[in-house]
N, C-alpha and C. Protein backbone atom coordinates (compact mmCIF):
# COMPACT_ATOMS: atom_id res chain seq x y z
N MET A 1 131.88 -1.61 -198.09
CA MET A 1 130.36 -2.23 -198.30
C MET A 1 129.59 -2.64 -197.32
N GLU A 2 127.95 -2.30 -197.16
CA GLU A 2 127.49 -2.77 -195.95
C GLU A 2 127.42 -4.69 -196.36
N ASN A 3 127.17 -4.92 -195.01
CA ASN A 3 127.06 -6.37 -195.07
C ASN A 3 125.23 -6.69 -195.49
N LEU A 4 125.35 -7.98 -196.16
CA LEU A 4 123.97 -7.78 -196.73
C LEU A 4 123.18 -8.76 -195.61
N GLN A 5 123.94 -9.88 -195.18
CA GLN A 5 123.64 -10.09 -194.25
C GLN A 5 123.03 -9.77 -192.64
N THR A 6 123.87 -8.67 -192.60
CA THR A 6 123.75 -7.77 -190.95
C THR A 6 121.97 -6.89 -191.62
N LEU A 7 122.40 -6.54 -192.86
CA LEU A 7 121.15 -5.67 -193.15
C LEU A 7 120.29 -6.47 -193.00
N ILE A 8 119.97 -7.64 -193.69
CA ILE A 8 119.08 -8.38 -193.62
C ILE A 8 118.69 -9.32 -192.61
N ASP A 9 119.52 -9.34 -191.35
CA ASP A 9 119.61 -9.76 -190.06
C ASP A 9 118.36 -8.52 -189.20
N LEU A 10 118.48 -7.10 -189.51
CA LEU A 10 118.10 -6.38 -188.56
C LEU A 10 117.04 -6.06 -189.20
N GLY A 11 116.51 -6.61 -190.90
CA GLY A 11 115.44 -6.04 -191.19
C GLY A 11 115.51 -4.81 -191.72
N ASN A 12 116.15 -4.17 -192.41
CA ASN A 12 117.07 -3.11 -192.49
C ASN A 12 116.37 -3.03 -194.22
N TRP A 13 114.95 -3.08 -194.43
CA TRP A 13 114.60 -3.76 -196.20
C TRP A 13 115.05 -2.08 -196.90
N GLN A 14 114.75 -1.23 -196.28
CA GLN A 14 114.54 0.20 -196.96
C GLN A 14 116.13 0.30 -197.51
N ARG A 15 117.48 0.02 -196.16
CA ARG A 15 118.72 0.65 -196.54
C ARG A 15 119.51 -0.90 -197.63
N LEU A 16 118.80 -2.41 -197.78
CA LEU A 16 119.24 -2.85 -198.52
C LEU A 16 118.92 -2.54 -200.04
N GLU A 17 117.78 -2.41 -200.25
CA GLU A 17 116.96 -1.89 -201.73
C GLU A 17 117.85 -0.35 -201.86
N GLU A 18 118.24 0.63 -201.23
CA GLU A 18 118.80 1.64 -201.70
C GLU A 18 120.34 0.98 -202.35
N LEU A 19 120.64 0.20 -201.11
CA LEU A 19 122.24 -0.23 -201.78
C LEU A 19 122.44 -1.57 -202.87
N LEU A 20 121.35 -2.40 -203.02
CA LEU A 20 120.77 -2.59 -204.34
C LEU A 20 120.47 -1.91 -205.54
N ASP A 21 119.97 -0.98 -205.61
CA ASP A 21 119.62 0.13 -206.19
C ASP A 21 120.53 0.52 -206.59
N ALA A 22 121.71 1.31 -206.16
CA ALA A 22 122.71 2.10 -206.34
C ALA A 22 123.62 0.79 -206.95
N ASN A 23 124.01 -0.52 -206.74
CA ASN A 23 125.02 -1.19 -207.47
C ASN A 23 124.11 -1.14 -208.89
N PHE A 24 122.80 -1.48 -208.91
CA PHE A 24 122.06 -1.58 -209.94
C PHE A 24 122.51 -0.40 -210.89
N ALA A 25 122.93 0.48 -210.41
CA ALA A 25 122.75 2.20 -211.16
C ALA A 25 123.83 2.44 -211.79
N THR A 26 124.72 1.85 -210.97
CA THR A 26 126.70 1.57 -211.28
C THR A 26 127.09 0.76 -211.75
N ASN A 27 126.55 -0.42 -211.57
CA ASN A 27 126.89 -1.61 -212.14
C ASN A 27 127.93 -2.28 -211.70
N GLN A 28 127.64 -2.12 -210.55
CA GLN A 28 128.52 -3.00 -209.32
C GLN A 28 127.95 -3.86 -208.98
N GLY A 29 128.89 -4.91 -208.31
CA GLY A 29 128.72 -6.07 -207.90
C GLY A 29 129.04 -7.36 -208.54
N ASP A 30 129.64 -8.03 -208.00
CA ASP A 30 129.91 -9.22 -208.88
C ASP A 30 128.70 -10.64 -209.26
N ASP A 31 128.70 -11.15 -210.00
CA ASP A 31 127.62 -12.61 -209.63
C ASP A 31 127.77 -13.05 -208.22
N PHE A 32 128.72 -13.21 -207.83
CA PHE A 32 128.46 -13.73 -206.36
C PHE A 32 127.43 -13.01 -205.36
N PHE A 33 128.07 -11.27 -205.12
CA PHE A 33 127.20 -10.68 -204.99
C PHE A 33 125.74 -10.77 -204.78
N TYR A 34 125.24 -10.70 -205.84
CA TYR A 34 124.19 -10.88 -206.27
C TYR A 34 122.90 -12.59 -205.72
N ILE A 35 124.23 -13.26 -205.91
CA ILE A 35 123.56 -14.57 -205.94
C ILE A 35 123.43 -14.96 -204.24
N GLU A 36 124.41 -13.88 -203.80
CA GLU A 36 124.17 -14.15 -202.31
C GLU A 36 123.23 -13.82 -202.07
N CYS A 37 122.84 -12.27 -202.23
CA CYS A 37 121.68 -11.41 -202.05
C CYS A 37 120.47 -12.29 -201.87
N ILE A 38 120.35 -12.87 -203.30
CA ILE A 38 118.97 -13.94 -203.76
C ILE A 38 118.53 -14.75 -202.86
N TYR A 39 120.14 -15.40 -202.61
CA TYR A 39 119.87 -16.79 -201.39
C TYR A 39 119.26 -15.97 -199.61
N LEU A 40 120.27 -15.03 -199.80
CA LEU A 40 119.42 -14.61 -197.92
C LEU A 40 117.97 -14.09 -198.04
N LEU A 41 118.11 -13.22 -199.24
CA LEU A 41 116.09 -12.98 -199.34
C LEU A 41 115.47 -13.82 -199.55
N GLN A 42 115.86 -15.43 -199.83
CA GLN A 42 115.23 -16.45 -200.55
C GLN A 42 115.06 -16.90 -199.09
N SER A 43 115.91 -17.00 -198.67
CA SER A 43 115.76 -17.67 -196.90
C SER A 43 115.17 -17.20 -196.10
N SER A 44 115.20 -15.27 -195.87
CA SER A 44 114.40 -15.20 -195.48
C SER A 44 112.88 -15.15 -195.35
N LEU A 45 112.11 -15.49 -196.47
CA LEU A 45 111.19 -15.34 -197.34
C LEU A 45 110.65 -17.29 -196.50
N LEU A 46 111.70 -18.08 -197.10
CA LEU A 46 111.20 -19.58 -196.34
C LEU A 46 111.12 -19.53 -194.74
N ASN A 47 112.28 -19.13 -194.35
CA ASN A 47 112.04 -18.79 -192.56
C ASN A 47 111.38 -17.64 -192.06
N GLY A 48 110.81 -16.93 -192.97
CA GLY A 48 109.70 -15.64 -192.32
C GLY A 48 108.03 -16.00 -191.92
N THR A 49 108.34 -16.87 -191.16
CA THR A 49 107.12 -17.43 -190.67
C THR A 49 106.38 -15.95 -189.79
N SER A 50 107.83 -15.45 -188.92
CA SER A 50 107.61 -14.57 -188.36
C SER A 50 107.82 -13.34 -188.34
N LEU A 51 107.87 -13.36 -189.91
CA LEU A 51 107.62 -11.71 -190.79
C LEU A 51 105.96 -11.27 -190.59
N PRO A 52 105.98 -9.97 -189.99
CA PRO A 52 104.49 -9.42 -190.65
C PRO A 52 104.71 -9.24 -191.96
N THR A 53 103.42 -9.89 -192.31
CA THR A 53 102.78 -9.30 -193.51
C THR A 53 103.34 -8.57 -194.41
N THR A 54 103.31 -7.21 -194.10
CA THR A 54 104.01 -6.31 -194.79
C THR A 54 105.52 -6.34 -195.04
N GLU A 55 106.04 -6.98 -194.13
CA GLU A 55 107.62 -7.11 -194.58
C GLU A 55 108.17 -8.52 -195.35
N PHE A 56 106.86 -9.58 -195.00
CA PHE A 56 107.13 -10.58 -196.27
C PHE A 56 107.17 -10.27 -197.50
N GLU A 57 106.04 -9.41 -197.83
CA GLU A 57 105.63 -9.34 -199.04
C GLU A 57 106.59 -8.26 -199.44
N ARG A 58 107.15 -7.12 -198.93
CA ARG A 58 108.16 -6.35 -199.10
C ARG A 58 109.67 -7.28 -199.81
N VAL A 59 109.74 -8.02 -198.86
CA VAL A 59 111.29 -9.26 -199.03
C VAL A 59 110.89 -9.73 -200.25
N HIS A 60 109.74 -10.13 -200.29
CA HIS A 60 109.28 -10.84 -201.74
C HIS A 60 109.02 -9.87 -203.00
N ARG A 61 109.03 -9.10 -202.76
CA ARG A 61 108.75 -8.29 -203.94
C ARG A 61 110.43 -7.43 -204.13
N LEU A 62 111.28 -7.31 -203.31
CA LEU A 62 112.20 -6.96 -203.34
C LEU A 62 113.10 -8.18 -203.96
N LEU A 63 113.21 -9.58 -203.29
CA LEU A 63 113.92 -10.87 -204.26
C LEU A 63 113.58 -10.90 -206.00
N LYS A 64 112.43 -10.49 -206.12
CA LYS A 64 111.68 -10.70 -207.25
C LYS A 64 112.60 -9.36 -208.37
N LYS A 65 112.38 -8.21 -207.74
CA LYS A 65 113.38 -6.71 -208.21
C LYS A 65 114.55 -7.12 -208.56
N VAL A 66 115.07 -8.43 -207.59
CA VAL A 66 116.72 -8.51 -207.53
C VAL A 66 117.24 -9.57 -208.68
N PHE A 67 116.08 -10.36 -208.50
CA PHE A 67 116.57 -11.67 -209.53
C PHE A 67 116.24 -10.74 -211.09
N GLU A 68 114.97 -10.11 -211.24
CA GLU A 68 114.90 -9.55 -212.74
C GLU A 68 116.29 -8.60 -213.03
N LYS A 69 116.56 -7.74 -212.50
CA LYS A 69 117.79 -6.82 -212.40
C LYS A 69 118.74 -7.74 -212.89
N SER A 70 119.13 -8.90 -212.05
CA SER A 70 120.41 -9.13 -212.43
C SER A 70 120.77 -10.80 -212.99
N TYR A 71 119.12 -10.89 -213.35
CA TYR A 71 119.35 -11.90 -214.35
C TYR A 71 119.75 -11.50 -216.00
N VAL A 72 118.90 -10.41 -216.29
CA VAL A 72 119.54 -9.32 -217.36
C VAL A 72 121.00 -9.09 -217.22
N ARG A 73 121.74 -9.09 -216.04
CA ARG A 73 123.00 -8.37 -216.32
C ARG A 73 123.98 -10.04 -215.86
N PHE A 74 123.52 -11.16 -215.26
CA PHE A 74 124.04 -11.97 -215.66
C PHE A 74 123.51 -13.66 -216.16
N GLY A 75 123.03 -13.26 -217.57
CA GLY A 75 122.02 -14.47 -217.74
C GLY A 75 122.81 -15.35 -218.40
N ASP A 76 123.87 -14.88 -219.01
CA ASP A 76 125.44 -15.97 -219.71
C ASP A 76 126.00 -16.47 -218.84
N ASN A 77 126.09 -16.22 -217.38
CA ASN A 77 127.32 -16.29 -216.24
C ASN A 77 126.87 -17.62 -216.05
N PRO A 78 127.72 -18.75 -216.08
CA PRO A 78 127.52 -20.09 -215.62
C PRO A 78 127.51 -19.97 -214.31
N ASN A 79 127.96 -19.17 -213.31
CA ASN A 79 127.70 -19.08 -211.69
C ASN A 79 126.65 -18.93 -211.33
N TYR A 80 126.40 -17.26 -211.91
CA TYR A 80 124.83 -17.52 -211.39
C TYR A 80 124.09 -17.96 -212.07
N LEU A 81 123.83 -18.69 -213.38
CA LEU A 81 123.01 -19.20 -213.83
C LEU A 81 122.77 -21.04 -212.80
N PHE A 82 124.05 -21.13 -212.39
CA PHE A 82 123.47 -22.70 -211.63
C PHE A 82 122.86 -22.35 -210.08
N PHE A 83 123.47 -21.40 -209.73
CA PHE A 83 123.26 -20.96 -208.19
C PHE A 83 121.62 -20.82 -208.44
N VAL A 84 121.40 -19.42 -208.82
CA VAL A 84 120.02 -19.45 -209.14
C VAL A 84 118.92 -19.82 -209.37
N GLY A 85 118.74 -20.63 -210.46
CA GLY A 85 118.25 -21.90 -211.29
C GLY A 85 118.51 -22.81 -209.81
N TYR A 86 119.11 -23.22 -209.32
CA TYR A 86 119.36 -24.64 -208.50
C TYR A 86 118.14 -23.89 -207.50
N PHE A 87 118.30 -22.32 -206.67
CA PHE A 87 117.64 -21.96 -205.50
C PHE A 87 115.82 -21.83 -206.38
N ILE A 88 115.53 -21.05 -207.53
CA ILE A 88 114.44 -21.17 -208.03
C ILE A 88 113.93 -22.72 -208.20
N ALA A 89 114.98 -23.75 -208.58
CA ALA A 89 114.16 -25.46 -208.15
C ALA A 89 113.66 -25.49 -206.53
N LEU A 90 114.19 -24.89 -205.92
CA LEU A 90 114.17 -25.42 -204.30
C LEU A 90 112.54 -24.64 -204.19
N CYS A 91 112.27 -23.28 -204.36
CA CYS A 91 111.20 -22.45 -204.31
C CYS A 91 110.92 -21.47 -205.75
N ASP A 92 110.01 -21.71 -206.66
CA ASP A 92 110.01 -21.35 -207.91
C ASP A 92 109.19 -19.69 -207.26
N TRP A 93 108.07 -19.93 -206.50
CA TRP A 93 106.94 -18.88 -205.89
C TRP A 93 107.64 -17.95 -205.61
N CYS A 94 109.10 -17.79 -205.13
CA CYS A 94 109.91 -17.04 -203.84
C CYS A 94 109.90 -15.78 -205.36
N PHE A 95 110.50 -16.62 -206.53
CA PHE A 95 111.03 -15.48 -207.56
C PHE A 95 109.72 -15.25 -208.53
N GLY A 96 108.13 -15.59 -208.24
CA GLY A 96 107.42 -14.91 -209.02
C GLY A 96 107.14 -16.04 -209.92
N LEU A 97 107.66 -17.22 -210.02
CA LEU A 97 107.21 -18.30 -210.76
C LEU A 97 106.58 -19.15 -210.51
N ASP A 98 105.80 -19.80 -211.56
CA ASP A 98 104.73 -20.92 -211.55
C ASP A 98 105.63 -22.03 -212.02
N GLY A 99 106.75 -23.18 -211.50
CA GLY A 99 106.80 -24.19 -212.47
C GLY A 99 108.47 -24.23 -212.66
N LEU A 100 108.77 -25.13 -212.75
CA LEU A 100 110.88 -24.89 -212.90
C LEU A 100 111.32 -25.00 -214.12
N SER A 101 110.22 -24.71 -215.52
CA SER A 101 110.97 -24.60 -216.62
C SER A 101 112.18 -23.32 -216.40
N LEU A 102 112.28 -22.53 -215.91
CA LEU A 102 113.31 -21.42 -216.04
C LEU A 102 114.34 -22.15 -215.47
N SER A 103 114.10 -22.49 -214.27
CA SER A 103 115.24 -23.21 -213.16
C SER A 103 115.64 -24.44 -214.05
N HIS A 104 115.35 -25.40 -214.58
CA HIS A 104 115.77 -26.11 -215.73
C HIS A 104 116.78 -26.02 -216.67
N GLU A 105 116.09 -24.51 -217.54
CA GLU A 105 116.93 -24.02 -218.84
C GLU A 105 118.02 -23.40 -217.77
N MET A 106 117.98 -22.59 -216.66
CA MET A 106 119.43 -22.24 -216.65
C MET A 106 120.08 -23.12 -216.01
N LEU A 107 119.68 -24.28 -215.24
CA LEU A 107 120.65 -25.68 -215.02
C LEU A 107 121.40 -25.91 -216.41
N ARG A 108 120.47 -25.91 -217.60
CA ARG A 108 121.15 -26.45 -218.52
C ARG A 108 122.22 -25.56 -219.19
N ARG A 109 121.66 -24.22 -219.26
CA ARG A 109 122.64 -23.25 -220.01
C ARG A 109 124.20 -23.21 -219.42
N ALA A 110 124.13 -23.24 -217.56
CA ALA A 110 124.73 -23.41 -216.91
C ALA A 110 126.25 -24.59 -217.08
N LYS A 111 125.45 -25.88 -217.35
CA LYS A 111 125.91 -27.10 -218.18
C LYS A 111 126.67 -26.64 -219.32
N ASP A 112 125.86 -25.99 -219.86
CA ASP A 112 126.09 -25.97 -221.67
C ASP A 112 127.49 -25.10 -221.70
N LEU A 113 127.49 -24.42 -220.95
CA LEU A 113 128.33 -23.33 -220.99
C LEU A 113 129.83 -23.36 -220.81
N ASP A 114 129.85 -24.30 -219.44
CA ASP A 114 130.78 -25.00 -218.34
C ASP A 114 130.70 -26.51 -218.58
N SER A 115 131.42 -26.98 -219.75
CA SER A 115 130.52 -28.32 -219.47
C SER A 115 131.39 -29.59 -218.42
N MET A 116 132.70 -28.92 -218.52
CA MET A 116 133.73 -29.51 -217.36
C MET A 116 133.63 -29.77 -215.99
N ASN A 117 132.67 -28.48 -215.69
CA ASN A 117 132.65 -27.98 -214.29
C ASN A 117 131.52 -29.12 -213.40
N PRO A 118 131.66 -30.12 -212.68
CA PRO A 118 131.03 -31.20 -212.24
C PRO A 118 129.60 -30.59 -211.73
N LEU A 119 129.64 -29.61 -211.00
CA LEU A 119 128.63 -29.13 -209.91
C LEU A 119 127.57 -28.52 -211.18
N PHE A 120 128.03 -27.93 -212.12
CA PHE A 120 127.25 -27.62 -212.77
C PHE A 120 126.26 -29.12 -213.72
N ARG A 121 126.94 -29.89 -214.16
CA ARG A 121 126.65 -31.22 -214.43
C ARG A 121 125.51 -32.04 -213.23
N TRP A 122 126.04 -32.21 -212.08
CA TRP A 122 125.40 -32.10 -211.27
C TRP A 122 123.99 -31.31 -210.94
N GLY A 123 124.22 -29.98 -211.14
CA GLY A 123 122.94 -29.68 -210.92
C GLY A 123 121.63 -29.69 -211.88
N TYR A 124 122.58 -29.90 -213.08
CA TYR A 124 120.98 -30.03 -214.37
C TYR A 124 120.53 -31.64 -213.92
N SER A 125 121.62 -32.19 -213.83
CA SER A 125 120.84 -33.82 -213.74
C SER A 125 120.27 -33.98 -212.71
N PHE A 126 120.47 -33.25 -211.82
CA PHE A 126 120.05 -33.98 -210.21
C PHE A 126 118.21 -33.31 -210.27
N SER A 127 118.08 -31.96 -210.93
CA SER A 127 117.11 -31.03 -210.68
C SER A 127 115.98 -31.86 -212.07
N THR A 128 116.93 -32.46 -212.63
CA THR A 128 115.93 -32.70 -213.89
C THR A 128 115.15 -34.38 -213.78
N GLU A 129 116.13 -35.05 -213.26
CA GLU A 129 116.35 -36.56 -212.90
C GLU A 129 116.87 -37.54 -213.54
N GLN A 130 118.29 -36.64 -213.94
CA GLN A 130 118.79 -37.12 -215.16
C GLN A 130 118.86 -38.67 -214.67
N SER A 131 119.27 -39.69 -215.21
CA SER A 131 119.97 -41.33 -214.80
C SER A 131 121.17 -40.74 -214.27
N ASP A 132 122.17 -40.28 -214.93
CA ASP A 132 123.42 -39.68 -213.98
C ASP A 132 123.16 -39.37 -212.25
N ALA A 133 122.32 -38.51 -212.22
CA ALA A 133 122.14 -37.93 -210.77
C ALA A 133 122.92 -38.44 -209.94
N LYS A 134 122.51 -39.61 -209.80
CA LYS A 134 123.20 -40.38 -208.46
C LYS A 134 124.40 -40.41 -208.39
N LYS A 135 124.80 -41.08 -209.34
CA LYS A 135 126.54 -41.48 -209.94
C LYS A 135 126.84 -39.70 -209.76
N LEU A 136 126.72 -38.69 -210.01
CA LEU A 136 127.30 -37.55 -210.08
C LEU A 136 126.94 -36.90 -208.70
N SER A 137 126.13 -36.88 -207.98
CA SER A 137 126.34 -36.56 -206.47
C SER A 137 126.77 -37.67 -205.89
N LEU A 138 127.26 -38.74 -206.05
CA LEU A 138 127.96 -40.00 -204.98
C LEU A 138 129.44 -38.73 -205.30
N GLU A 139 129.97 -38.92 -206.40
CA GLU A 139 131.24 -38.35 -206.75
C GLU A 139 131.41 -36.75 -206.07
N LEU A 140 130.50 -35.89 -206.59
CA LEU A 140 130.12 -34.41 -206.02
C LEU A 140 130.71 -34.79 -204.44
N SER A 141 129.87 -35.63 -203.68
CA SER A 141 129.97 -35.61 -201.96
C SER A 141 131.26 -36.48 -201.56
N GLN A 142 132.45 -37.31 -202.88
CA GLN A 142 133.44 -37.90 -201.96
C GLN A 142 134.26 -36.86 -202.36
N ASN A 143 134.38 -35.64 -203.35
CA ASN A 143 135.27 -34.54 -203.68
C ASN A 143 135.35 -33.38 -202.44
N GLU A 144 136.34 -33.73 -201.93
CA GLU A 144 136.19 -33.03 -200.87
C GLU A 144 137.27 -31.60 -201.69
N SER A 145 137.92 -31.48 -202.07
CA SER A 145 138.43 -30.17 -202.95
C SER A 145 136.94 -29.37 -203.42
N VAL A 146 136.29 -30.08 -204.14
CA VAL A 146 135.14 -29.45 -204.69
C VAL A 146 134.38 -29.04 -204.19
N LEU A 147 134.09 -29.34 -203.09
CA LEU A 147 133.24 -28.77 -202.04
C LEU A 147 133.59 -27.85 -201.26
N ILE A 148 135.12 -27.68 -200.68
CA ILE A 148 135.86 -26.57 -200.22
C ILE A 148 135.36 -25.20 -201.04
N SER A 149 135.51 -25.91 -202.56
CA SER A 149 135.69 -24.32 -202.97
C SER A 149 134.25 -23.98 -203.53
N ILE A 150 133.68 -25.02 -203.52
CA ILE A 150 131.79 -24.49 -203.56
C ILE A 150 131.72 -23.90 -201.88
N ALA A 151 132.07 -24.19 -201.12
CA ALA A 151 132.09 -23.57 -199.66
C ALA A 151 132.44 -22.20 -199.52
N SER A 152 133.12 -21.71 -200.23
CA SER A 152 133.96 -20.67 -200.26
C SER A 152 133.30 -19.71 -200.52
N LYS A 153 132.44 -19.65 -201.09
CA LYS A 153 131.31 -18.66 -202.44
C LYS A 153 130.28 -18.47 -201.50
N GLY A 154 130.61 -18.15 -200.10
CA GLY A 154 129.90 -17.27 -199.30
C GLY A 154 128.42 -18.20 -198.56
N LEU A 155 127.76 -17.71 -197.94
CA LEU A 155 126.33 -19.00 -197.35
C LEU A 155 126.18 -19.37 -198.66
N ALA A 156 125.57 -18.77 -199.90
CA ALA A 156 125.14 -19.68 -200.86
C ALA A 156 125.71 -21.04 -201.17
N GLY A 157 126.93 -20.53 -201.60
CA GLY A 157 127.96 -22.33 -201.27
C GLY A 157 128.08 -23.12 -200.59
N GLN A 158 128.35 -22.02 -199.30
CA GLN A 158 127.91 -23.18 -198.29
C GLN A 158 126.94 -23.95 -198.12
N TYR A 159 125.63 -23.15 -198.41
CA TYR A 159 124.29 -23.93 -198.53
C TYR A 159 124.31 -25.30 -199.24
N ILE A 160 124.62 -25.05 -200.71
CA ILE A 160 125.25 -25.88 -201.61
C ILE A 160 126.08 -27.14 -201.23
N ALA A 161 127.21 -26.89 -200.97
CA ALA A 161 128.33 -27.88 -200.65
C ALA A 161 127.63 -28.80 -199.57
N ASP A 162 126.94 -28.06 -198.54
CA ASP A 162 126.24 -29.04 -197.45
C ASP A 162 124.95 -29.97 -198.09
N THR A 163 124.50 -29.49 -199.04
CA THR A 163 122.99 -30.22 -199.59
C THR A 163 123.90 -31.57 -200.41
N ILE A 164 125.21 -31.20 -201.10
CA ILE A 164 125.71 -32.02 -201.57
C ILE A 164 126.24 -33.22 -200.61
N ARG A 165 126.83 -32.64 -199.71
CA ARG A 165 127.36 -33.89 -198.56
C ARG A 165 126.57 -34.63 -198.10
N GLU A 166 125.15 -34.22 -198.32
CA GLU A 166 124.04 -34.90 -197.06
C GLU A 166 123.60 -35.66 -198.25
N MET A 167 124.15 -35.59 -199.94
CA MET A 167 123.06 -36.20 -201.02
C MET A 167 123.36 -37.91 -200.68
N PRO A 168 124.18 -38.27 -199.84
CA PRO A 168 124.29 -39.94 -199.81
C PRO A 168 123.48 -40.27 -199.28
N TYR A 169 122.87 -39.81 -198.05
CA TYR A 169 121.69 -40.18 -197.35
C TYR A 169 120.56 -39.80 -197.86
N TYR A 170 120.48 -38.84 -198.50
CA TYR A 170 119.14 -38.49 -199.20
C TYR A 170 118.92 -39.67 -200.25
N LEU A 171 120.09 -39.62 -200.84
CA LEU A 171 119.80 -40.61 -202.47
C LEU A 171 119.83 -42.21 -201.81
N ASP A 172 120.28 -42.58 -200.52
CA ASP A 172 120.45 -43.82 -200.17
C ASP A 172 121.68 -44.51 -200.97
N LEU A 173 122.90 -44.03 -201.14
CA LEU A 173 124.11 -44.34 -201.68
C LEU A 173 125.47 -44.65 -200.54
N PRO A 174 126.35 -45.01 -201.20
CA PRO A 174 127.20 -45.62 -200.17
C PRO A 174 127.96 -44.43 -199.80
N LYS A 175 128.17 -44.23 -197.79
CA LYS A 175 128.47 -43.14 -197.62
C LYS A 175 130.26 -42.86 -197.86
N GLY A 176 131.03 -41.78 -198.05
CA GLY A 176 132.34 -41.94 -198.32
C GLY A 176 132.92 -42.22 -197.17
């Protein structure tokens, strides 16, 4: 299968859209394929100040399309709910949303579906500013095996792992 990152780096939006349409039509691609695609498209939008307006609009439409179709397919998958819910919290407009209610709902559902997963508990607590968010942030930032596992989930996972590693500095917590 073609590399998503390469297609995006080359700005080959037509080929990327064809690949995604084929995957949707044949029910291919696991949750992390779509999580990675959503992360890369969102990153392109957020870093896309140099994109011509027409390309920016095309990437925006493509991200919304991938989100809408993948949400139908993976709306009960805790990994998908966590990662995409977190990314929506970063920039809801990228997904055609106005507000964080869907993000919070997705993060809550991920936590409810896998309540023993510290990442899912952290995501919900942090995004909704729960009282245990700082404690969970510190615990996760000091758990290298969990961070390595998260980082193994592609660029989206690496982004989340790096974010968690930085939490003690961001939240002014004791450093590990």
